[in-house]
Protein backbone atom coordinates (compact mmCIF):
# COMPACT_ATOMS: atom_id res chain seq x y z
CA MET A 1 0.00 0.00 0.00
CA LEU A 2 1.12 3.57 -0.57
CA GLY A 3 -0.07 4.36 2.92
CA VAL A 4 -3.00 5.71 4.89
CA VAL A 5 -3.95 9.37 4.98
CA GLU A 6 -0.94 11.26 6.20
CA ASN A 7 -0.53 13.28 9.34
CA HIS A 8 -0.93 16.81 8.01
CA SER A 9 1.40 18.16 10.70
CA LEU A 10 4.16 16.59 8.60
CA PRO A 11 5.51 18.36 5.49
CA ARG A 12 3.18 18.11 2.53
CA THR A 13 3.80 15.61 -0.25
CA ALA A 14 2.86 15.23 -3.90
CA ALA A 15 2.86 12.75 -6.76
CA PHE A 16 4.22 14.05 -10.07
CA PHE A 17 2.97 12.38 -13.26
CA ASP A 18 4.27 12.70 -16.78
CA LEU A 19 1.26 12.56 -19.12
CA ASP A 20 1.88 10.78 -22.43
CA LYS A 21 2.24 6.98 -22.17
CA THR A 22 2.20 7.35 -18.38
CA VAL A 23 -1.35 8.52 -17.67
CA ILE A 24 -2.78 8.30 -21.20
CA ALA A 25 -2.00 5.71 -23.84
CA LYS A 26 -1.12 8.13 -26.66
CA SER A 27 0.52 11.48 -27.23
CA SER A 28 -1.73 14.28 -26.02
CA THR A 29 -0.24 16.63 -28.60
CA LEU A 30 -0.93 14.28 -31.50
CA THR A 31 -4.37 13.14 -30.41
CA PHE A 32 -5.97 16.50 -31.20
CA SER A 33 -4.61 16.73 -34.75
CA LYS A 34 -7.96 15.89 -36.35
CA SER A 35 -9.66 18.59 -34.29
CA PHE A 36 -7.06 21.14 -35.34
CA TYR A 37 -7.46 20.09 -38.96
CA GLN A 38 -11.23 20.51 -38.79
CA GLY A 39 -10.69 23.87 -37.14
CA GLY A 40 -8.41 24.98 -39.96
CA LEU A 41 -5.21 25.16 -37.91
CA ILE A 42 -3.35 22.43 -39.80
CA ASN A 43 -3.72 20.92 -43.28
CA ARG A 44 -4.45 17.39 -44.48
CA ARG A 45 -0.79 16.63 -45.07
CA ALA A 46 -0.03 17.44 -41.44
CA VAL A 47 -2.78 15.05 -40.33
CA LEU A 48 -1.19 12.23 -42.32
CA ARG A 49 2.17 13.05 -40.81
CA THR A 50 0.58 12.91 -37.38
CA ALA A 51 -0.56 9.33 -37.95
CA TYR A 52 3.04 8.36 -38.67
CA ALA A 53 4.32 10.39 -35.72
CA GLN A 54 1.88 8.62 -33.41
CA PHE A 55 3.25 5.28 -34.58
CA VAL A 56 6.83 6.41 -33.94
CA PHE A 57 5.83 7.72 -30.52
CA LEU A 58 4.13 4.50 -29.47
CA ALA A 59 6.91 2.34 -30.86
CA GLY A 60 9.84 4.00 -29.19
CA GLY A 61 9.13 7.35 -27.62
CA ALA A 62 11.21 10.42 -28.38
CA ASP A 63 14.88 10.97 -27.61
CA HIS A 64 16.59 14.25 -26.74
CA ASP A 65 17.25 15.29 -30.34
CA GLN A 66 13.64 14.66 -31.35
CA MET A 67 12.37 16.70 -28.42
CA GLU A 68 14.66 19.57 -29.35
CA ARG A 69 13.38 19.48 -32.91
CA MET A 70 9.87 19.62 -31.49
CA ARG A 71 10.73 22.81 -29.63
CA GLU A 72 12.18 24.42 -32.74
CA TYR A 73 9.19 23.34 -34.81
CA LEU A 74 6.80 25.04 -32.40
CA SER A 75 7.87 28.49 -33.49
CA ALA A 76 6.87 27.95 -37.10
CA LEU A 77 3.85 25.73 -36.45
CA CYS A 78 1.82 27.80 -34.02
CA LYS A 79 2.61 31.33 -35.09
CA GLY A 80 -0.65 33.16 -35.69
CA TRP A 81 -2.93 30.60 -34.03
CA ASN A 82 -5.76 32.19 -32.08
CA VAL A 83 -5.48 31.08 -28.47
CA GLN A 84 -9.22 31.12 -27.81
CA GLN A 85 -9.85 28.95 -30.86
CA VAL A 86 -7.35 26.37 -29.62
CA ARG A 87 -9.03 26.31 -26.22
CA GLU A 88 -12.46 25.86 -27.75
CA LEU A 89 -11.34 23.02 -30.03
CA VAL A 90 -9.78 21.17 -27.11
CA ALA A 91 -12.85 21.69 -24.91
CA GLU A 92 -15.20 20.44 -27.63
CA THR A 93 -13.35 17.17 -28.18
CA LEU A 94 -11.69 16.49 -24.81
CA HIS A 95 -14.05 13.76 -23.60
CA ASP A 96 -14.27 11.99 -26.96
CA LEU A 97 -10.52 11.95 -27.55
CA ILE A 98 -8.88 11.73 -24.12
CA ASP A 99 -11.36 9.92 -21.88
CA PRO A 100 -11.05 6.58 -23.76
CA ILE A 101 -7.24 6.51 -23.57
CA ILE A 102 -6.72 7.13 -19.85
CA TYR A 103 -4.97 4.18 -18.25
CA ASP A 104 -7.14 2.51 -15.63
CA GLU A 105 -4.02 1.80 -13.56
CA ALA A 106 -2.98 5.46 -13.64
CA ALA A 107 -6.45 6.68 -12.66
CA SER A 108 -6.45 4.26 -9.72
CA LEU A 109 -3.00 5.43 -8.68
CA ILE A 110 -4.07 9.08 -8.81
CA GLU A 111 -7.03 8.20 -6.59
CA GLU A 112 -4.79 6.42 -4.15
CA HIS A 113 -2.42 9.36 -3.84
CA HIS A 114 -5.33 11.69 -3.18
CA THR A 115 -6.67 9.29 -0.55
CA ALA A 116 -3.24 9.32 1.08
CA GLY A 117 -3.41 13.12 1.30
CA ARG A 118 -0.96 13.89 -1.49
CA ASP A 119 -1.38 16.51 -4.19
CA VAL A 120 -1.32 15.25 -7.77
CA VAL A 121 0.67 17.29 -10.30
CA ILE A 122 0.73 16.64 -14.06
CA VAL A 123 4.12 17.59 -15.56
CA SER A 124 4.07 17.51 -19.36
CA THR A 125 6.02 18.82 -22.33
CA SER A 126 2.75 19.31 -24.18
CA GLY A 127 1.13 22.72 -24.34
CA ALA A 128 -0.87 24.10 -21.46
CA GLU A 129 -4.06 24.53 -23.51
CA VAL A 130 -4.07 20.76 -23.92
CA VAL A 131 -2.65 19.70 -20.55
CA GLU A 132 -4.76 21.92 -18.29
CA PRO A 133 -8.14 20.48 -19.39
CA ILE A 134 -6.75 16.95 -19.16
CA GLY A 135 -5.47 17.71 -15.67
CA GLU A 136 -8.92 18.95 -14.67
CA LEU A 137 -10.51 15.84 -16.15
CA LEU A 138 -8.20 13.69 -14.02
CA GLY A 139 -8.76 15.75 -10.88
CA ALA A 140 -5.15 16.96 -10.72
CA ASP A 141 -4.31 19.72 -8.28
CA ARG A 142 -1.69 21.43 -10.41
CA VAL A 143 -0.23 21.38 -13.90
CA VAL A 144 3.20 22.15 -15.28
CA ALA A 145 3.29 22.44 -19.09
CA THR A 146 4.92 24.21 -22.01
CA ARG A 147 3.66 27.73 -22.57
CA MET A 148 3.89 29.96 -25.61
CA VAL A 149 4.06 33.74 -25.89
CA VAL A 150 0.69 35.33 -26.70
CA GLY A 151 0.57 38.68 -28.49
CA GLU A 152 -1.80 41.57 -27.87
CA ASP A 153 -3.99 40.24 -30.69
CA GLY A 154 -4.66 37.03 -28.74
CA CYS A 155 -2.56 34.91 -31.10
CA PHE A 156 0.66 33.00 -30.54
CA THR A 157 3.73 34.95 -31.60
CA GLY A 158 5.70 31.82 -32.40
CA ASP A 159 8.03 32.20 -29.41
CA VAL A 160 8.32 29.60 -26.66
CA GLU A 161 8.15 31.23 -23.23
CA TYR A 162 8.69 28.05 -21.20
CA TYR A 163 9.57 24.58 -22.44
CA ALA A 164 8.66 21.90 -19.89
CA TYR A 165 11.27 19.35 -20.81
CA GLY A 166 14.11 17.45 -19.15
CA PRO A 167 15.88 19.49 -16.44
CA THR A 168 13.24 22.24 -16.57
CA LYS A 169 10.65 19.76 -15.27
CA ALA A 170 12.88 19.05 -12.28
CA GLU A 171 13.37 22.78 -11.72
CA ALA A 172 9.60 23.33 -11.76
CA ILE A 173 9.14 20.54 -9.23
CA ARG A 174 11.73 22.05 -6.90
CA GLU A 175 10.07 25.46 -7.19
CA LEU A 176 6.70 23.92 -6.37
CA ALA A 177 8.21 22.10 -3.42
CA GLU A 178 9.51 25.41 -2.07
CA SER A 179 6.28 27.32 -2.61
CA GLU A 180 3.92 24.55 -1.48
CA GLY A 181 6.04 23.03 1.27
CA TYR A 182 6.47 19.59 -0.31
CA ASP A 183 9.05 17.25 1.19
CA LEU A 184 10.55 15.87 -2.03
CA SER A 185 12.18 12.97 -0.21
CA ARG A 186 8.66 11.69 0.51
CA CYS A 187 7.19 12.56 -2.91
CA TYR A 188 6.54 10.28 -5.89
CA ALA A 189 7.19 10.67 -9.63
CA TYR A 190 6.13 8.60 -12.65
CA SER A 191 7.36 8.72 -16.25
CA ASP A 192 7.95 6.57 -19.33
CA SER A 193 10.86 8.53 -20.83
CA VAL A 194 14.59 8.65 -20.22
CA THR A 195 14.37 12.42 -20.79
CA ASP A 196 12.52 12.63 -17.46
CA ILE A 197 15.36 11.19 -15.38
CA PRO A 198 15.98 14.63 -13.76
CA MET A 199 12.34 14.67 -12.62
CA LEU A 200 12.53 11.12 -11.30
CA GLU A 201 15.80 11.85 -9.50
CA SER A 202 14.26 14.81 -7.70
CA VAL A 203 11.91 12.70 -5.54
CA GLY A 204 12.34 9.96 -3.00
CA HIS A 205 10.03 7.51 -4.78
CA PRO A 206 10.61 7.38 -8.56
CA TYR A 207 8.74 4.92 -10.78
CA ALA A 208 9.32 4.03 -14.42
CA VAL A 209 5.98 3.45 -16.20
CA ASN A 210 5.94 1.70 -19.58
CA PRO A 211 9.58 2.81 -19.90
CA ASP A 212 11.47 3.27 -23.13
CA ARG A 213 14.61 1.16 -23.49
CA ALA A 214 16.96 3.76 -22.08
CA LEU A 215 14.81 4.43 -19.01
CA ARG A 216 14.35 0.71 -18.46
CA ARG A 217 18.13 0.31 -18.31
CA GLU A 218 18.43 3.21 -15.89
CA ALA A 219 15.63 1.89 -13.71
CA THR A 220 17.29 -1.52 -13.54
CA THR A 221 20.65 0.03 -12.66
CA ARG A 222 19.20 2.32 -10.02
CA GLY A 223 16.73 -0.17 -8.57
CA TRP A 224 13.69 1.92 -9.46
CA PRO A 225 10.37 0.02 -9.65
CA VAL A 226 8.99 -0.54 -13.15
CA LEU A 227 5.23 -0.48 -13.68
CA VAL A 228 3.28 -1.61 -16.75
CA PHE A 229 -0.01 0.14 -17.51
CA ASN A 230 -1.98 -1.43 -20.36
CA ARG A 231 -5.69 -1.00 -19.66
CA PRO A 232 -7.10 2.20 -21.20
CA VAL A 233 -10.65 2.72 -19.97
CA ARG A 234 -13.22 5.52 -20.01
CA LEU A 235 -13.62 7.19 -16.65
CA LYS A 236 -17.39 6.74 -16.94
CA GLN A 237 -16.83 2.98 -17.17
CA ARG A 238 -14.97 3.14 -13.87
CA LEU A 239 -17.79 5.18 -12.33
CA PRO A 240 -21.05 5.51 -14.29
CA ALA A 241 -22.00 8.72 -12.48
CA PHE A 242 -18.66 10.33 -13.31
CA SER A 243 -18.69 14.03 -14.18
CA MET A 244 -15.99 16.69 -14.43
CA PRO A 245 -14.13 16.79 -11.10
CA PRO A 246 -15.46 19.48 -8.77
CA ARG A 247 -11.98 20.05 -7.29
CA PRO A 248 -11.49 23.76 -6.70
CA ALA A 249 -9.10 25.80 -8.75
CA LEU A 250 -6.83 23.75 -10.95
CA MET A 251 -3.68 25.67 -10.12
CA VAL A 252 -1.17 26.08 -12.88
CA ALA A 253 2.46 26.05 -11.86
CA ALA A 254 4.07 26.87 -15.16
CA ALA A 255 1.46 26.75 -17.82
CA VAL A 256 -0.55 29.35 -19.57
CA GLY A 257 0.13 29.33 -23.29
CA ALA A 258 -0.29 26.30 -25.45
CA ALA A 259 0.39 25.73 -29.02
CA ALA A 260 2.69 22.88 -28.25
CA ALA A 261 -0.58 21.17 -28.98
CA THR A 262 0.69 19.75 -32.25
CA ALA A 263 4.42 20.01 -31.78
CA GLY A 264 4.85 16.26 -32.15
CA LEU A 265 4.17 16.56 -35.89
CA VAL A 266 7.84 17.26 -36.41
CA TRP A 267 8.68 13.70 -35.48
CA TYR A 268 7.68 12.69 -38.97
CA ALA A 269 10.57 14.72 -40.35
CA SER A 270 13.06 13.46 -37.93
CA ARG A 271 -14.41 9.07 -9.88
CA ARG A 272 -13.78 6.07 -8.26
CA ARG A 273 -12.87 2.57 -7.49
CA PRO A 274 -11.20 1.52 -4.23
CA PRO A 275 -7.53 2.54 -4.17
CA VAL A 276 -5.18 0.01 -5.74
CA PRO A 277 -1.79 -0.56 -4.04
CA VAL A 278 1.26 0.13 -6.20
CA GLU A 279 2.43 -3.40 -5.52
CA GLN A 280 -0.57 -4.77 -7.40
CA PHE A 281 0.46 -3.18 -10.69
CA THR A 282 2.54 -5.34 -13.02
CA ARG A 283 6.26 -4.95 -12.55
CA ILE A 284 9.15 -6.17 -14.67
């Protein structure tokens, strides 16, 4: 068991979750490509590239070079996008696109951490306009995500203000720990990617979830537990009366802008069941 509800006189704790292939079975940035196409933000060719990119993502994840190319691609891809239009497209299709690909195991783990008195924080390289609604859907307390610069006209300028990737994720976690009073030695972190090693190293309880080859090697070397999540399920199937979580303000740690929403396209060119103990998830 992760533990019973904690004594709140102790320092606060949190569980930090990467999003793609850790909480959901696909890339959040790529999943909305059809919606962006229908909304006129991307063309048909980009949609076809997205299908290939999704295959590459599921087959092997993204290494450092691919992630850097994603960041560079953002500038050209999102320049001129209307922020409100992006938000509306995501809101209109969120339940249809994201709800069916949430891992049952991850949803149960999020519930268990909340039951134990821990905050749940989603930490994702995807854009905030995508990650924030997903975080709210999951009942997360906070979100850290990539944010883009928005001009006075309400459109993205093409500049990246904050890129939530690699060491910057760990920095964001440390800043949250300072502002929120988290004891990182008692906190948890979950990710599938070797690029998130700095995030995993920053907590006392790191877990590799559906790890890529490089992270699997690191986890084996460091003795980190490895979890396998493989049961995507709609939240309404877990609880028929499910509705959007009523949790108060979804607080955003580092996430306001968003057009990272389709950044993964560049890869082509390059509420409730009973809590489930961590030990009951499949390990390797």
